[in-house]
Amino acid sequence: MYLIIGLGNPGKRYGPTRHNIGWKVVEEAASQWSAKLVPSLAARVGEAWLGEEAVTLALPRTWMNLAGGVVQELVGKLGVNLNHLIVVHDDLDLEAGLIRVKRRGGSGGHNGIRSIVTALGTGEFIRLKVGVGRPLGGQEAADYVLSPFLPSETSDIEAAVTQAVDAAECLVTQGPVVAMNRFNKRNKEVDEL
């Protein structure tokens, strides 16, 4: 059993923002894998099968900074091994359109990840990071991640969402080492080689 969590903030206002890219990836995965996301008390949840593996997809219905309690509840309820917990989230340190798989670690300054690490008492879970780039010209990071993508970024972001769904499937069916080797790119030029 795998649990894939998409981080974001609830409400229509936040839907198109950089901070909700984790939700976009999980929603696209649900669409591709025929998993209907149904509202429950703590999250929208759907189930799918990838080969022989059962997968639960979840979008916490709390503010991102409070997602840890929902993740802890789902992990306990489903009996998920933390090696099979995949959290999809935005990353300021990656160029918009790049993705990165990471097996474990700290929060990297991401408040949603910090909440999950605190709630679980460990950073031993998989992250699937989607780059949103850094703000330019002194814009505060909080304002930047709560802003929508620029029209010039749309094609890169759409490609990143598709690639992130592929990476999530690879994580479930082939494991983190294969996924990291296949999807962790240093820059866009590497994709053309």
C-alpha atoms as a PDB file:
ATOM      1  CA  MET A   1       0.000   0.000   0.000  1.00  0.00           C
ATOM      2  CA  TYR A   2       1.283   3.441  -1.014  1.00  0.00           C
ATOM      3  CA  LEU A   3      -0.045   6.792   0.146  1.00  0.00           C
ATOM      4  CA  ILE A   4       0.529   9.779  -2.142  1.00  0.00           C
ATOM      5  CA  ILE A   5      -0.254  13.163  -0.581  1.00  0.00           C
ATOM      6  CA  GLY A   6      -0.550  16.366  -2.625  1.00  0.00           C
ATOM      7  CA  LEU A   7       0.151  19.506  -0.620  1.00  0.00           C
ATOM      8  CA  GLY A   8      -1.843  22.678  -1.210  1.00  0.00           C
ATOM      9  CA  ASN A   9      -4.315  25.070   0.360  1.00  0.00           C
ATOM     10  CA  PRO A  10      -8.087  24.605   0.171  1.00  0.00           C
ATOM     11  CA  GLY A  11     -10.363  27.040  -1.637  1.00  0.00           C
ATOM     12  CA  LYS A  12     -10.759  28.329  -5.186  1.00  0.00           C
ATOM     13  CA  ARG A  13      -8.533  31.326  -4.479  1.00  0.00           C
ATOM     14  CA  TYR A  14      -5.497  29.068  -3.993  1.00  0.00           C
ATOM     15  CA  GLY A  15      -6.183  26.561  -6.786  1.00  0.00           C
ATOM     16  CA  PRO A  16      -4.085  28.235  -9.493  1.00  0.00           C
ATOM     17  CA  THR A  17      -1.185  29.219  -7.208  1.00  0.00           C
ATOM     18  CA  ARG A  18       2.369  27.889  -7.179  1.00  0.00           C
ATOM     19  CA  HIS A  19       1.843  26.519  -3.667  1.00  0.00           C
ATOM     20  CA  ASN A  20      -0.886  24.168  -4.941  1.00  0.00           C
ATOM     21  CA  ILE A  21       1.208  22.357  -7.536  1.00  0.00           C
ATOM     22  CA  GLY A  22       1.191  19.246  -5.309  1.00  0.00           C
ATOM     23  CA  TRP A  23      -2.612  19.190  -5.535  1.00  0.00           C
ATOM     24  CA  LYS A  24      -2.446  19.555  -9.330  1.00  0.00           C
ATOM     25  CA  VAL A  25      -0.122  16.553  -9.607  1.00  0.00           C
ATOM     26  CA  VAL A  26      -2.319  14.344  -7.418  1.00  0.00           C
ATOM     27  CA  GLU A  27      -5.478  15.456  -9.227  1.00  0.00           C
ATOM     28  CA  GLU A  28      -3.844  14.574 -12.556  1.00  0.00           C
ATOM     29  CA  ALA A  29      -2.685  11.214 -11.169  1.00  0.00           C
ATOM     30  CA  ALA A  30      -6.243  10.506  -9.995  1.00  0.00           C
ATOM     31  CA  SER A  31      -7.534  11.315 -13.474  1.00  0.00           C
ATOM     32  CA  GLN A  32      -4.949   9.126 -15.239  1.00  0.00           C
ATOM     33  CA  TRP A  33      -5.293   6.236 -12.775  1.00  0.00           C
ATOM     34  CA  SER A  34      -9.135   6.332 -12.626  1.00  0.00           C
ATOM     35  CA  ALA A  35      -9.201   7.160  -8.912  1.00  0.00           C
ATOM     36  CA  LYS A  36     -12.209   9.256  -7.922  1.00  0.00           C
ATOM     37  CA  LEU A  37     -11.229  11.729  -5.185  1.00  0.00           C
ATOM     38  CA  VAL A  38     -14.044  11.704  -2.630  1.00  0.00           C
ATOM     39  CA  PRO A  39     -14.305  14.240   0.217  1.00  0.00           C
ATOM     40  CA  SER A  40     -13.886  12.853   3.716  1.00  0.00           C
ATOM     41  CA  LEU A  41     -13.494  14.748   6.976  1.00  0.00           C
ATOM     42  CA  ALA A  42      -9.768  15.387   6.661  1.00  0.00           C
ATOM     43  CA  ALA A  43      -8.975  15.003   2.947  1.00  0.00           C
ATOM     44  CA  ARG A  44     -10.213  14.227  -0.529  1.00  0.00           C
ATOM     45  CA  VAL A  45      -9.221  10.584  -0.960  1.00  0.00           C
ATOM     46  CA  GLY A  46      -9.166   8.162  -3.896  1.00  0.00           C
ATOM     47  CA  GLU A  47      -7.878   4.661  -4.501  1.00  0.00           C
ATOM     48  CA  ALA A  48      -6.123   3.122  -7.488  1.00  0.00           C
ATOM     49  CA  TRP A  49      -4.034   0.141  -8.466  1.00  0.00           C
ATOM     50  CA  LEU A  50      -0.702   0.432 -10.230  1.00  0.00           C
ATOM     51  CA  GLY A  51       0.167  -3.076 -11.291  1.00  0.00           C
ATOM     52  CA  GLU A  52       0.078  -5.131  -8.087  1.00  0.00           C
ATOM     53  CA  GLU A  53       0.300  -2.101  -5.777  1.00  0.00           C
ATOM     54  CA  ALA A  54      -2.649  -0.440  -4.062  1.00  0.00           C
ATOM     55  CA  VAL A  55      -2.346   3.342  -3.967  1.00  0.00           C
ATOM     56  CA  THR A  56      -4.315   5.857  -1.917  1.00  0.00           C
ATOM     57  CA  LEU A  57      -4.234   9.424  -3.216  1.00  0.00           C
ATOM     58  CA  ALA A  58      -5.060  12.213  -0.770  1.00  0.00           C
ATOM     59  CA  LEU A  59      -5.453  15.988  -0.768  1.00  0.00           C
ATOM     60  CA  PRO A  60      -5.583  17.308   2.819  1.00  0.00           C
ATOM     61  CA  ARG A  61      -8.450  19.741   3.373  1.00  0.00           C
ATOM     62  CA  THR A  62      -6.471  21.802   5.878  1.00  0.00           C
ATOM     63  CA  TRP A  63      -4.059  24.668   5.355  1.00  0.00           C
ATOM     64  CA  MET A  64      -0.774  23.359   4.043  1.00  0.00           C
ATOM     65  CA  ASN A  65       1.056  24.413   7.205  1.00  0.00           C
ATOM     66  CA  LEU A  66      -1.258  22.098   9.208  1.00  0.00           C
ATOM     67  CA  ALA A  67      -1.104  19.096   6.863  1.00  0.00           C
ATOM     68  CA  GLY A  68       0.954  17.003   9.294  1.00  0.00           C
ATOM     69  CA  GLY A  69      -2.026  15.993  11.430  1.00  0.00           C
ATOM     70  CA  VAL A  70      -3.970  14.781   8.385  1.00  0.00           C
ATOM     71  CA  VAL A  71      -0.977  12.859   7.041  1.00  0.00           C
ATOM     72  CA  GLN A  72      -0.372  11.261  10.447  1.00  0.00           C
ATOM     73  CA  GLU A  73      -4.038  10.246  10.648  1.00  0.00           C
ATOM     74  CA  LEU A  74      -4.025   8.704   7.159  1.00  0.00           C
ATOM     75  CA  VAL A  75      -0.735   6.862   7.729  1.00  0.00           C
ATOM     76  CA  GLY A  76      -2.121   5.364  10.948  1.00  0.00           C
ATOM     77  CA  LYS A  77      -5.567   4.551   9.556  1.00  0.00           C
ATOM     78  CA  LEU A  78      -4.179   2.892   6.426  1.00  0.00           C
ATOM     79  CA  GLY A  79      -1.185   1.258   8.126  1.00  0.00           C
ATOM     80  CA  VAL A  80       1.218   2.741   5.563  1.00  0.00           C
ATOM     81  CA  ASN A  81       4.936   2.075   5.956  1.00  0.00           C
ATOM     82  CA  LEU A  82       6.712   5.451   5.811  1.00  0.00           C
ATOM     83  CA  ASN A  83       8.894   4.109   2.981  1.00  0.00           C
ATOM     84  CA  HIS A  84       5.654   4.067   0.974  1.00  0.00           C
ATOM     85  CA  LEU A  85       4.576   7.619   1.849  1.00  0.00           C
ATOM     86  CA  ILE A  86       5.099  10.042  -1.073  1.00  0.00           C
ATOM     87  CA  VAL A  87       4.490  13.748  -0.493  1.00  0.00           C
ATOM     88  CA  VAL A  88       4.178  15.956  -3.598  1.00  0.00           C
ATOM     89  CA  HIS A  89       4.944  19.645  -3.054  1.00  0.00           C
ATOM     90  CA  ASP A  90       6.266  22.884  -4.532  1.00  0.00           C
ATOM     91  CA  ASP A  91       9.954  23.754  -4.269  1.00  0.00           C
ATOM     92  CA  LEU A  92      11.428  27.252  -4.526  1.00  0.00           C
ATOM     93  CA  ASP A  93      14.949  25.914  -5.056  1.00  0.00           C
ATOM     94  CA  LEU A  94      14.038  24.169  -8.315  1.00  0.00           C
ATOM     95  CA  GLU A  95      13.546  26.023 -11.573  1.00  0.00           C
ATOM     96  CA  ALA A  96       9.912  26.125 -12.659  1.00  0.00           C
ATOM     97  CA  GLY A  97       9.181  22.972 -14.607  1.00  0.00           C
ATOM     98  CA  LEU A  98      11.809  20.705 -13.044  1.00  0.00           C
ATOM     99  CA  ILE A  99      10.996  17.873 -10.663  1.00  0.00           C
ATOM    100  CA  ARG A 100      13.110  16.080  -8.090  1.00  0.00           C
ATOM    101  CA  VAL A 101      12.636  12.877  -6.095  1.00  0.00           C
ATOM    102  CA  LYS A 102      14.157  12.760  -2.624  1.00  0.00           C
ATOM    103  CA  ARG A 103      14.050   9.762  -0.275  1.00  0.00           C
ATOM    104  CA  ARG A 104      14.256  11.527   3.094  1.00  0.00           C
ATOM    105  CA  GLY A 105      15.409  14.684   4.824  1.00  0.00           C
ATOM    106  CA  GLY A 106      14.366  17.794   6.674  1.00  0.00           C
ATOM    107  CA  SER A 107      11.819  20.416   5.724  1.00  0.00           C
ATOM    108  CA  GLY A 108      14.091  22.511   3.499  1.00  0.00           C
ATOM    109  CA  GLY A 109      12.185  25.542   4.811  1.00  0.00           C
ATOM    110  CA  HIS A 110       8.857  24.238   3.480  1.00  0.00           C
ATOM    111  CA  ASN A 111       6.183  24.700   6.170  1.00  0.00           C
ATOM    112  CA  GLY A 112       3.968  21.887   4.884  1.00  0.00           C
ATOM    113  CA  ILE A 113       6.866  19.428   5.022  1.00  0.00           C
ATOM    114  CA  ARG A 114       7.857  20.789   8.445  1.00  0.00           C
ATOM    115  CA  SER A 115       4.322  20.072   9.700  1.00  0.00           C
ATOM    116  CA  ILE A 116       4.506  16.484   8.403  1.00  0.00           C
ATOM    117  CA  VAL A 117       7.989  15.863   9.856  1.00  0.00           C
ATOM    118  CA  THR A 118       6.809  17.212  13.216  1.00  0.00           C
ATOM    119  CA  ALA A 119       3.620  15.128  13.228  1.00  0.00           C
ATOM    120  CA  LEU A 120       5.355  11.901  12.171  1.00  0.00           C
ATOM    121  CA  GLY A 121       8.453  12.521  14.296  1.00  0.00           C
ATOM    122  CA  THR A 122      10.682  11.687  11.324  1.00  0.00           C
ATOM    123  CA  GLY A 123      11.707  12.867   7.870  1.00  0.00           C
ATOM    124  CA  GLU A 124      11.923   9.293   6.576  1.00  0.00           C
ATOM    125  CA  PHE A 125       9.421   9.560   3.735  1.00  0.00           C
ATOM    126  CA  ILE A 126       9.663  10.256   0.001  1.00  0.00           C
ATOM    127  CA  ARG A 127       9.274  13.735  -1.424  1.00  0.00           C
ATOM    128  CA  LEU A 128       8.317  14.460  -5.017  1.00  0.00           C
ATOM    129  CA  LYS A 129       9.252  18.106  -5.513  1.00  0.00           C
ATOM    130  CA  VAL A 130       7.963  20.265  -8.350  1.00  0.00           C
ATOM    131  CA  GLY A 131       9.985  23.390  -9.072  1.00  0.00           C
ATOM    132  CA  VAL A 132       8.233  26.745  -8.976  1.00  0.00           C
ATOM    133  CA  GLY A 133      11.383  28.909  -9.164  1.00  0.00           C
ATOM    134  CA  ARG A 134      12.444  31.784  -6.945  1.00  0.00           C
ATOM    135  CA  PRO A 135      10.821  35.213  -6.738  1.00  0.00           C
ATOM    136  CA  LEU A 136      12.598  38.046  -8.504  1.00  0.00           C
ATOM    137  CA  GLY A 137      13.039  41.628  -7.461  1.00  0.00           C
ATOM    138  CA  GLY A 138      12.665  41.302  -3.709  1.00  0.00           C
ATOM    139  CA  GLN A 139       9.187  39.740  -3.691  1.00  0.00           C
ATOM    140  CA  GLU A 140       8.529  37.868  -0.466  1.00  0.00           C
ATOM    141  CA  ALA A 141       8.590  34.070  -0.841  1.00  0.00           C
ATOM    142  CA  ALA A 142       5.165  33.761   0.836  1.00  0.00           C
ATOM    143  CA  ASP A 143       3.588  36.194  -1.643  1.00  0.00           C
ATOM    144  CA  TYR A 144       5.337  34.482  -4.537  1.00  0.00           C
ATOM    145  CA  VAL A 145       4.127  30.947  -3.787  1.00  0.00           C
ATOM    146  CA  LEU A 146       0.585  32.253  -3.302  1.00  0.00           C
ATOM    147  CA  SER A 147       0.623  33.839  -6.769  1.00  0.00           C
ATOM    148  CA  PRO A 148      -0.368  32.086 -10.006  1.00  0.00           C
ATOM    149  CA  PHE A 149       2.139  30.937 -12.602  1.00  0.00           C
ATOM    150  CA  LEU A 150       2.949  33.399 -15.374  1.00  0.00           C
ATOM    151  CA  PRO A 151       1.559  32.638 -18.847  1.00  0.00           C
ATOM    152  CA  SER A 152       5.161  32.156 -20.033  1.00  0.00           C
ATOM    153  CA  GLU A 153       5.550  29.316 -17.486  1.00  0.00           C
ATOM    154  CA  THR A 154       2.369  27.439 -18.420  1.00  0.00           C
ATOM    155  CA  SER A 155       3.880  24.930 -20.847  1.00  0.00           C
ATOM    156  CA  ASP A 156       6.785  24.118 -18.489  1.00  0.00           C
ATOM    157  CA  ILE A 157       4.395  23.621 -15.563  1.00  0.00           C
ATOM    158  CA  GLU A 158       2.001  21.434 -17.557  1.00  0.00           C
ATOM    159  CA  ALA A 159       4.960  19.297 -18.636  1.00  0.00           C
ATOM    160  CA  ALA A 160       6.198  19.136 -15.025  1.00  0.00           C
ATOM    161  CA  VAL A 161       2.792  17.940 -13.777  1.00  0.00           C
ATOM    162  CA  THR A 162       2.760  15.179 -16.397  1.00  0.00           C
ATOM    163  CA  GLN A 163       6.332  14.224 -15.570  1.00  0.00           C
ATOM    164  CA  ALA A 164       5.577  14.241 -11.822  1.00  0.00           C
ATOM    165  CA  VAL A 165       2.677  11.808 -12.358  1.00  0.00           C
ATOM    166  CA  ASP A 166       5.063   9.566 -14.302  1.00  0.00           C
ATOM    167  CA  ALA A 167       7.601   9.866 -11.460  1.00  0.00           C
ATOM    168  CA  ALA A 168       4.953   8.947  -8.878  1.00  0.00           C
ATOM    169  CA  GLU A 169       4.038   5.867 -10.910  1.00  0.00           C
ATOM    170  CA  CYS A 170       7.712   4.949 -11.196  1.00  0.00           C
ATOM    171  CA  LEU A 171       8.167   5.360  -7.426  1.00  0.00           C
ATOM    172  CA  VAL A 172       5.320   2.914  -6.794  1.00  0.00           C
ATOM    173  CA  THR A 173       6.159   0.350  -9.462  1.00  0.00           C
ATOM    174  CA  GLN A 174       9.981   0.507  -9.588  1.00  0.00           C
ATOM    175  CA  GLY A 175      11.138   2.241  -6.404  1.00  0.00           C
ATOM    176  CA  PRO A 176      12.963   5.436  -5.442  1.00  0.00           C
ATOM    177  CA  VAL A 177      16.400   4.582  -6.867  1.00  0.00           C
ATOM    178  CA  VAL A 178      15.023   4.055 -10.380  1.00  0.00           C
ATOM    179  CA  ALA A 179      12.804   7.146 -10.048  1.00  0.00           C
ATOM    180  CA  MET A 180      15.706   9.344  -8.910  1.00  0.00           C
ATOM    181  CA  ASN A 181      17.935   8.133 -11.747  1.00  0.00           C
ATOM    182  CA  ARG A 182      15.199   8.708 -14.318  1.00  0.00           C
ATOM    183  CA  PHE A 183      13.643  11.985 -13.154  1.00  0.00           C
ATOM    184  CA  ASN A 184      16.241  14.011 -11.207  1.00  0.00           C
ATOM    185  CA  LYS A 185      17.689  16.394 -13.805  1.00  0.00           C
ATOM    186  CA  ARG A 186      20.102  19.223 -13.112  1.00  0.00           C
ATOM    187  CA  ASN A 187      18.703  21.498 -15.819  1.00  0.00           C
ATOM    188  CA  LYS A 188      16.426  21.442 -18.840  1.00  0.00           C
ATOM    189  CA  GLU A 189      19.294  20.925 -21.285  1.00  0.00           C
ATOM    190  CA  VAL A 190      19.834  17.451 -19.796  1.00  0.00           C
ATOM    191  CA  ASP A 191      16.370  16.445 -21.093  1.00  0.00           C
ATOM    192  CA  GLU A 192      17.546  17.075 -24.653  1.00  0.00           C
ATOM    193  CA  LEU A 193      20.516  14.670 -24.457  1.00  0.00           C
END
